[in-house]
PDB file of all heavy atoms in Angstrom:
ATOM      1  N   PRO A   1     115.654  94.596  98.924  1.00  0.00           N
ATOM      2  CA  PRO A   1     116.963  94.625  99.599  1.00  0.00           C
ATOM      3  C   PRO A   1     117.107  93.558 100.683  1.00  0.00           C
ATOM      4  O   PRO A   1     118.213  93.061 100.925  1.00  0.00           O
ATOM      5  CB  PRO A   1     117.020  96.048 100.194  1.00  0.00           C
ATOM      6  CG  PRO A   1     116.086  96.854  99.351  1.00  0.00           C
ATOM      7  CD  PRO A   1     114.971  95.912  99.033  1.00  0.00           C
ATOM      8  N   ILE A   2     116.003  93.191 101.336  1.00  0.00           N
ATOM      9  CA  ILE A   2     116.053  92.132 102.351  1.00  0.00           C
ATOM     10  C   ILE A   2     116.452  90.814 101.694  1.00  0.00           C
ATOM     11  O   ILE A   2     117.367  90.112 102.156  1.00  0.00           O
ATOM     12  CB  ILE A   2     114.684  91.986 103.068  1.00  0.00           C
ATOM     13  CG1 ILE A   2     114.390  93.238 103.893  1.00  0.00           C
ATOM     14  CG2 ILE A   2     114.659  90.723 103.945  1.00  0.00           C
ATOM     15  CD1 ILE A   2     113.002  93.229 104.545  1.00  0.00           C
ATOM     16  N   ARG A   3     115.767  90.480 100.617  1.00  0.00           N
ATOM     17  CA  ARG A   3     116.066  89.220  99.917  1.00  0.00           C
ATOM     18  C   ARG A   3     117.495  89.238  99.373  1.00  0.00           C
ATOM     19  O   ARG A   3     118.224  88.236  99.462  1.00  0.00           O
ATOM     20  CB  ARG A   3     115.058  89.007  98.785  1.00  0.00           C
ATOM     21  CG  ARG A   3     113.619  88.864  99.264  1.00  0.00           C
ATOM     22  CD  ARG A   3     112.674  88.494  98.119  1.00  0.00           C
ATOM     23  NE  ARG A   3     111.304  88.374  98.611  1.00  0.00           N
ATOM     24  CZ  ARG A   3     110.348  89.275  98.437  1.00  0.00           C
ATOM     25  NH1 ARG A   3     110.588  90.373  97.731  1.00  0.00           N
ATOM     26  NH2 ARG A   3     109.145  89.093  98.929  1.00  0.00           N
ATOM     27  N   PHE A   4     117.888  90.362  98.826  1.00  0.00           N
ATOM     28  CA  PHE A   4     119.205  90.463  98.202  1.00  0.00           C
ATOM     29  C   PHE A   4     120.323  90.301  99.230  1.00  0.00           C
ATOM     30  O   PHE A   4     121.306  89.587  98.985  1.00  0.00           O
ATOM     31  CB  PHE A   4     119.325  91.808  97.483  1.00  0.00           C
ATOM     32  CG  PHE A   4     120.667  92.036  96.855  1.00  0.00           C
ATOM     33  CD1 PHE A   4     121.190  91.127  95.946  1.00  0.00           C
ATOM     34  CD2 PHE A   4     121.430  93.154  97.177  1.00  0.00           C
ATOM     35  CE1 PHE A   4     122.431  91.326  95.356  1.00  0.00           C
ATOM     36  CE2 PHE A   4     122.660  93.363  96.606  1.00  0.00           C
ATOM     37  CZ  PHE A   4     123.165  92.450  95.693  1.00  0.00           C
ATOM     38  N   LEU A   5     120.199  90.943 100.386  1.00  0.00           N
ATOM     39  CA  LEU A   5     121.257  90.836 101.402  1.00  0.00           C
ATOM     40  C   LEU A   5     121.337  89.435 102.003  1.00  0.00           C
ATOM     41  O   LEU A   5     122.382  89.026 102.498  1.00  0.00           O
ATOM     42  CB  LEU A   5     121.040  91.865 102.511  1.00  0.00           C
ATOM     43  CG  LEU A   5     121.305  93.327 102.139  1.00  0.00           C
ATOM     44  CD1 LEU A   5     120.994  94.245 103.311  1.00  0.00           C
ATOM     45  CD2 LEU A   5     122.752  93.521 101.674  1.00  0.00           C
ATOM     46  N   ALA A   6     120.238  88.691 101.964  1.00  0.00           N
ATOM     47  CA  ALA A   6     120.253  87.314 102.461  1.00  0.00           C
ATOM     48  C   ALA A   6     120.811  86.356 101.420  1.00  0.00           C
ATOM     49  O   ALA A   6     121.703  85.551 101.711  1.00  0.00           O
ATOM     50  CB  ALA A   6     118.847  86.888 102.869  1.00  0.00           C
ATOM     51  N   PHE A   7     120.303  86.440 100.192  1.00  0.00           N
ATOM     52  CA  PHE A   7     120.639  85.459  99.153  1.00  0.00           C
ATOM     53  C   PHE A   7     121.835  85.855  98.287  1.00  0.00           C
ATOM     54  O   PHE A   7     122.479  84.989  97.696  1.00  0.00           O
ATOM     55  CB  PHE A   7     119.440  85.237  98.232  1.00  0.00           C
ATOM     56  CG  PHE A   7     118.303  84.460  98.835  1.00  0.00           C
ATOM     57  CD1 PHE A   7     117.280  85.099  99.514  1.00  0.00           C
ATOM     58  CD2 PHE A   7     118.244  83.078  98.718  1.00  0.00           C
ATOM     59  CE1 PHE A   7     116.224  84.393 100.069  1.00  0.00           C
ATOM     60  CE2 PHE A   7     117.198  82.356  99.262  1.00  0.00           C
ATOM     61  CZ  PHE A   7     116.181  83.010  99.946  1.00  0.00           C
ATOM     62  N   GLY A   8     122.078  87.157  98.131  1.00  0.00           N
ATOM     63  CA  GLY A   8     123.084  87.601  97.166  1.00  0.00           C
ATOM     64  C   GLY A   8     122.502  87.735  95.770  1.00  0.00           C
ATOM     65  O   GLY A   8     123.225  88.006  94.807  1.00  0.00           O
ATOM     66  N   HIS A   9     121.197  87.535  95.652  1.00  0.00           N
ATOM     67  CA  HIS A   9     120.456  87.699  94.407  1.00  0.00           C
ATOM     68  C   HIS A   9     118.987  87.904  94.775  1.00  0.00           C
ATOM     69  O   HIS A   9     118.640  87.839  95.956  1.00  0.00           O
ATOM     70  CB  HIS A   9     120.626  86.482  93.496  1.00  0.00           C
ATOM     71  CG  HIS A   9     120.211  85.189  94.141  1.00  0.00           C
ATOM     72  ND1 HIS A   9     121.123  84.242  94.568  1.00  0.00           N
ATOM     73  CD2 HIS A   9     118.989  84.691  94.473  1.00  0.00           C
ATOM     74  CE1 HIS A   9     120.471  83.222  95.120  1.00  0.00           C
ATOM     75  NE2 HIS A   9     119.173  83.475  95.074  1.00  0.00           N
ATOM     76  N   ILE A  10     118.138  88.120  93.781  1.00  0.00           N
ATOM     77  CA  ILE A  10     116.699  88.234  94.036  1.00  0.00           C
ATOM     78  C   ILE A  10     116.067  86.892  93.669  1.00  0.00           C
ATOM     79  O   ILE A  10     116.024  86.531  92.491  1.00  0.00           O
ATOM     80  CB  ILE A  10     116.041  89.355  93.193  1.00  0.00           C
ATOM     81  CG1 ILE A  10     116.846  90.660  93.278  1.00  0.00           C
ATOM     82  CG2 ILE A  10     114.593  89.551  93.630  1.00  0.00           C
ATOM     83  CD1 ILE A  10     116.895  91.294  94.630  1.00  0.00           C
ATOM     84  N   PRO A  11     115.598  86.107  94.637  1.00  0.00           N
ATOM     85  CA  PRO A  11     115.088  84.760  94.322  1.00  0.00           C
ATOM     86  C   PRO A  11     113.741  84.812  93.605  1.00  0.00           C
ATOM     87  O   PRO A  11     112.898  85.654  93.886  1.00  0.00           O
ATOM     88  CB  PRO A  11     114.944  84.117  95.710  1.00  0.00           C
ATOM     89  CG  PRO A  11     114.740  85.267  96.647  1.00  0.00           C
ATOM     90  CD  PRO A  11     115.538  86.413  96.082  1.00  0.00           C
ATOM     91  N   GLU A  12     113.573  83.903  92.658  1.00  0.00           N
ATOM     92  CA  GLU A  12     112.284  83.773  91.974  1.00  0.00           C
ATOM     93  C   GLU A  12     111.208  83.382  92.981  1.00  0.00           C
ATOM     94  O   GLU A  12     111.500  82.693  93.957  1.00  0.00           O
ATOM     95  CB  GLU A  12     112.374  82.699  90.883  1.00  0.00           C
ATOM     96  CG  GLU A  12     113.302  83.076  89.755  1.00  0.00           C
ATOM     97  CD  GLU A  12     113.267  82.054  88.614  1.00  0.00           C
ATOM     98  OE1 GLU A  12     112.491  81.074  88.685  1.00  0.00           O
ATOM     99  OE2 GLU A  12     114.006  82.237  87.648  1.00  0.00           O
ATOM    100  N   PRO A  13     109.963  83.809  92.761  1.00  0.00           N
ATOM    101  CA  PRO A  13     109.461  84.533  91.585  1.00  0.00           C
ATOM    102  C   PRO A  13     109.578  86.040  91.708  1.00  0.00           C
ATOM    103  O   PRO A  13     109.072  86.758  90.846  1.00  0.00           O
ATOM    104  CB  PRO A  13     107.983  84.125  91.578  1.00  0.00           C
ATOM    105  CG  PRO A  13     107.625  84.023  93.025  1.00  0.00           C
ATOM    106  CD  PRO A  13     108.857  83.449  93.698  1.00  0.00           C
ATOM    107  N   TYR A  14     110.272  86.537  92.740  1.00  0.00           N
ATOM    108  CA  TYR A  14     110.298  87.970  92.993  1.00  0.00           C
ATOM    109  C   TYR A  14     111.276  88.687  92.075  1.00  0.00           C
ATOM    110  O   TYR A  14     112.211  88.089  91.523  1.00  0.00           O
ATOM    111  CB  TYR A  14     110.652  88.244  94.457  1.00  0.00           C
ATOM    112  CG  TYR A  14     109.737  87.540  95.418  1.00  0.00           C
ATOM    113  CD1 TYR A  14     110.161  86.408  96.110  1.00  0.00           C
ATOM    114  CD2 TYR A  14     108.433  87.985  95.616  1.00  0.00           C
ATOM    115  CE1 TYR A  14     109.319  85.739  96.985  1.00  0.00           C
ATOM    116  CE2 TYR A  14     107.581  87.323  96.491  1.00  0.00           C
ATOM    117  CZ  TYR A  14     108.030  86.195  97.158  1.00  0.00           C
ATOM    118  OH  TYR A  14     107.183  85.535  98.008  1.00  0.00           O
ATOM    119  N   THR A  15     111.073  89.994  91.948  1.00  0.00           N
ATOM    120  CA  THR A  15     111.989  90.866  91.222  1.00  0.00           C
ATOM    121  C   THR A  15     112.179  92.126  92.082  1.00  0.00           C
ATOM    122  O   THR A  15     111.689  92.195  93.202  1.00  0.00           O
ATOM    123  CB  THR A  15     111.430  91.255  89.843  1.00  0.00           C
ATOM    124  OG1 THR A  15     110.268  92.097  90.024  1.00  0.00           O
ATOM    125  CG2 THR A  15     111.039  90.023  89.030  1.00  0.00           C
ATOM    126  N   THR A  16     112.842  93.107  91.524  1.00  0.00           N
ATOM    127  CA  THR A  16     113.003  94.370  92.241  1.00  0.00           C
ATOM    128  C   THR A  16     111.768  95.257  92.096  1.00  0.00           C
ATOM    129  O   THR A  16     111.689  96.305  92.746  1.00  0.00           O
ATOM    130  CB  THR A  16     114.225  95.137  91.718  1.00  0.00           C
ATOM    131  OG1 THR A  16     114.131  95.223  90.294  1.00  0.00           O
ATOM    132  CG2 THR A  16     115.513  94.454  92.111  1.00  0.00           C
ATOM    133  N   LEU A  17     110.818  94.865  91.250  1.00  0.00           N
ATOM    134  CA  LEU A  17     109.647  95.691  90.976  1.00  0.00           C
ATOM    135  C   LEU A  17     108.371  95.073  91.534  1.00  0.00           C
ATOM    136  O   LEU A  17     108.211  93.844  91.519  1.00  0.00           O
ATOM    137  CB  LEU A  17     109.475  95.895  89.467  1.00  0.00           C
ATOM    138  CG  LEU A  17     110.611  96.625  88.752  1.00  0.00           C
ATOM    139  CD1 LEU A  17     110.360  96.644  87.250  1.00  0.00           C
ATOM    140  CD2 LEU A  17     110.765  98.044  89.287  1.00  0.00           C
ATOM    141  N   GLN A  18     107.467  95.913  91.990  1.00  0.00           N
ATOM    142  CA  GLN A  18     106.169  95.442  92.452  1.00  0.00           C
ATOM    143  C   GLN A  18     105.358  94.907  91.276  1.00  0.00           C
ATOM    144  O   GLN A  18     105.348  95.511  90.204  1.00  0.00           O
ATOM    145  CB  GLN A  18     105.400  96.584  93.129  1.00  0.00           C
ATOM    146  CG  GLN A  18     105.940  96.979  94.479  1.00  0.00           C
ATOM    147  CD  GLN A  18     105.066  98.013  95.171  1.00  0.00           C
ATOM    148  OE1 GLN A  18     103.938  98.251  94.783  1.00  0.00           O
ATOM    149  NE2 GLN A  18     105.604  98.643  96.208  1.00  0.00           N
ATOM    150  N   GLN A  19     104.689  93.775  91.504  1.00  0.00           N
ATOM    151  CA  GLN A  19     103.774  93.146  90.536  1.00  0.00           C
ATOM    152  C   GLN A  19     104.455  92.591  89.298  1.00  0.00           C
ATOM    153  O   GLN A  19     103.786  92.212  88.339  1.00  0.00           O
ATOM    154  CB  GLN A  19     102.669  94.127  90.115  1.00  0.00           C
ATOM    155  CG  GLN A  19     101.727  94.504  91.261  1.00  0.00           C
ATOM    156  CD  GLN A  19     100.560  95.337  90.777  1.00  0.00           C
ATOM    157  OE1 GLN A  19     100.694  96.528  90.515  1.00  0.00           O
ATOM    158  NE2 GLN A  19      99.408  94.715  90.636  1.00  0.00           N
ATOM    159  N   ILE A  20     105.791  92.523  89.302  1.00  0.00           N
ATOM    160  CA  ILE A  20     106.523  91.868  88.208  1.00  0.00           C
ATOM    161  C   ILE A  20     107.098  90.574  88.768  1.00  0.00           C
ATOM    162  O   ILE A  20     107.862  90.598  89.732  1.00  0.00           O
ATOM    163  CB  ILE A  20     107.658  92.744  87.655  1.00  0.00           C
ATOM    164  CG1 ILE A  20     107.127  94.104  87.201  1.00  0.00           C
ATOM    165  CG2 ILE A  20     108.366  92.027  86.518  1.00  0.00           C
ATOM    166  CD1 ILE A  20     106.264  94.085  85.974  1.00  0.00           C
ATOM    167  N   TYR A  21     106.737  89.451  88.138  1.00  0.00           N
ATOM    168  CA  TYR A  21     107.149  88.141  88.651  1.00  0.00           C
ATOM    169  C   TYR A  21     107.808  87.303  87.557  1.00  0.00           C
ATOM    170  O   TYR A  21     107.552  87.497  86.363  1.00  0.00           O
ATOM    171  CB  TYR A  21     105.933  87.384  89.211  1.00  0.00           C
ATOM    172  CG  TYR A  21     105.262  88.108  90.339  1.00  0.00           C
ATOM    173  CD1 TYR A  21     104.078  88.814  90.122  1.00  0.00           C
ATOM    174  CD2 TYR A  21     105.806  88.120  91.619  1.00  0.00           C
ATOM    175  CE1 TYR A  21     103.456  89.505  91.155  1.00  0.00           C
ATOM    176  CE2 TYR A  21     105.189  88.807  92.657  1.00  0.00           C
ATOM    177  CZ  TYR A  21     104.019  89.498  92.418  1.00  0.00           C
ATOM    178  OH  TYR A  21     103.415  90.183  93.441  1.00  0.00           O
ATOM    179  N   SER A  22     108.603  86.366  88.001  1.00  0.00           N
ATOM    180  CA  SER A  22     109.229  85.415  87.085  1.00  0.00           C
ATOM    181  C   SER A  22     108.305  84.212  86.906  1.00  0.00           C
ATOM    182  O   SER A  22     107.798  83.654  87.881  1.00  0.00           O
ATOM    183  CB  SER A  22     110.571  84.960  87.669  1.00  0.00           C
ATOM    184  OG  SER A  22     111.164  83.992  86.847  1.00  0.00           O
ATOM    185  N   LEU A  23     108.075  83.818  85.665  1.00  0.00           N
ATOM    186  CA  LEU A  23     107.283  82.619  85.399  1.00  0.00           C
ATOM    187  C   LEU A  23     108.095  81.402  85.837  1.00  0.00           C
ATOM    188  O   LEU A  23     109.270  81.286  85.486  1.00  0.00           O
ATOM    189  CB  LEU A  23     106.954  82.518  83.909  1.00  0.00           C
ATOM    190  CG  LEU A  23     106.081  81.338  83.480  1.00  0.00           C
ATOM    191  CD1 LEU A  23     104.674  81.470  84.050  1.00  0.00           C
ATOM    192  CD2 LEU A  23     106.023  81.229  81.956  1.00  0.00           C
ATOM    193  N   PRO A  24     107.513  80.473  86.609  1.00  0.00           N
ATOM    194  CA  PRO A  24     108.290  79.299  87.046  1.00  0.00           C
ATOM    195  C   PRO A  24     108.754  78.451  85.856  1.00  0.00           C
ATOM    196  O   PRO A  24     108.072  78.368  84.844  1.00  0.00           O
ATOM    197  CB  PRO A  24     107.286  78.514  87.900  1.00  0.00           C
ATOM    198  CG  PRO A  24     106.215  79.478  88.261  1.00  0.00           C
ATOM    199  CD  PRO A  24     106.134  80.456  87.131  1.00  0.00           C
ATOM    200  N   LYS A  25     109.907  77.837  86.008  1.00  0.00           N
ATOM    201  CA  LYS A  25     110.413  76.952  84.954  1.00  0.00           C
ATOM    202  C   LYS A  25     109.460  75.768  84.777  1.00  0.00           C
ATOM    203  O   LYS A  25     108.777  75.339  85.725  1.00  0.00           O
ATOM    204  CB  LYS A  25     111.809  76.452  85.315  1.00  0.00           C
ATOM    205  CG  LYS A  25     111.881  75.635  86.601  1.00  0.00           C
ATOM    206  CD  LYS A  25     113.313  75.260  86.906  1.00  0.00           C
ATOM    207  CE  LYS A  25     113.409  74.448  88.204  1.00  0.00           C
ATOM    208  NZ  LYS A  25     114.793  74.091  88.526  1.00  0.00           N
ATOM    209  N   GLY A  26     109.398  75.252  83.565  1.00  0.00           N
ATOM    210  CA  GLY A  26     108.537  74.100  83.282  1.00  0.00           C
ATOM    211  C   GLY A  26     107.053  74.396  83.396  1.00  0.00           C
ATOM    212  O   GLY A  26     106.249  73.493  83.570  1.00  0.00           O
ATOM    213  N   HIS A  27     106.682  75.673  83.283  1.00  0.00           N
ATOM    214  CA  HIS A  27     105.276  76.092  83.386  1.00  0.00           C
ATOM    215  C   HIS A  27     104.888  76.952  82.189  1.00  0.00           C
ATOM    216  O   HIS A  27     105.742  77.529  81.519  1.00  0.00           O
ATOM    217  CB  HIS A  27     105.046  76.911  84.661  1.00  0.00           C
ATOM    218  CG  HIS A  27     104.992  76.102  85.909  1.00  0.00           C
ATOM    219  ND1 HIS A  27     106.098  75.443  86.413  1.00  0.00           N
ATOM    220  CD2 HIS A  27     103.964  75.831  86.775  1.00  0.00           C
ATOM    221  CE1 HIS A  27     105.759  74.808  87.535  1.00  0.00           C
ATOM    222  NE2 HIS A  27     104.476  75.037  87.773  1.00  0.00           N
TER     223      HIS A  27
END
């Protein structure tokens, strides 16, 4: 919720779930 209220979205690599991450682009 901290990230969401600042950005208006959940910035990579984070998600709403613990230990679930977004793989970086070009990797």
